[in-house]
Amino acid sequence: MNANLNSLGGWVAKPELSPRELECLGWVSQGKSSTDIGTILGLSARTIDSYLEKAASKLGVRTRIEAVAIGVRRGLIEVD
């Protein structure tokens, strides 16, 4: 089962983030901008924004910072 127990004791689906979405969130957690991440990955800033928007949507949040916080809390990404 691909699910987690929430704080109320109910099961919630664990979102399936793509490897690229996780990679972008990891770079955001390191303080990188979309332009920086695009340069690192050889992609446009708009493409990076798209990956981050999809990740945030899958995690049920609106901003990239919220997505990073949820990702860390759920163990989807690690921060140093």
Foldseek 3Di string as FASTA:
>chain_A
DQWDQDPVRDTDHDFDQDPLLLVLLQVVLVVDQLPRVCVVVVHHSVVSVVSQCVQCVSLVHGDSVVSSVSCCVVVVHDDD
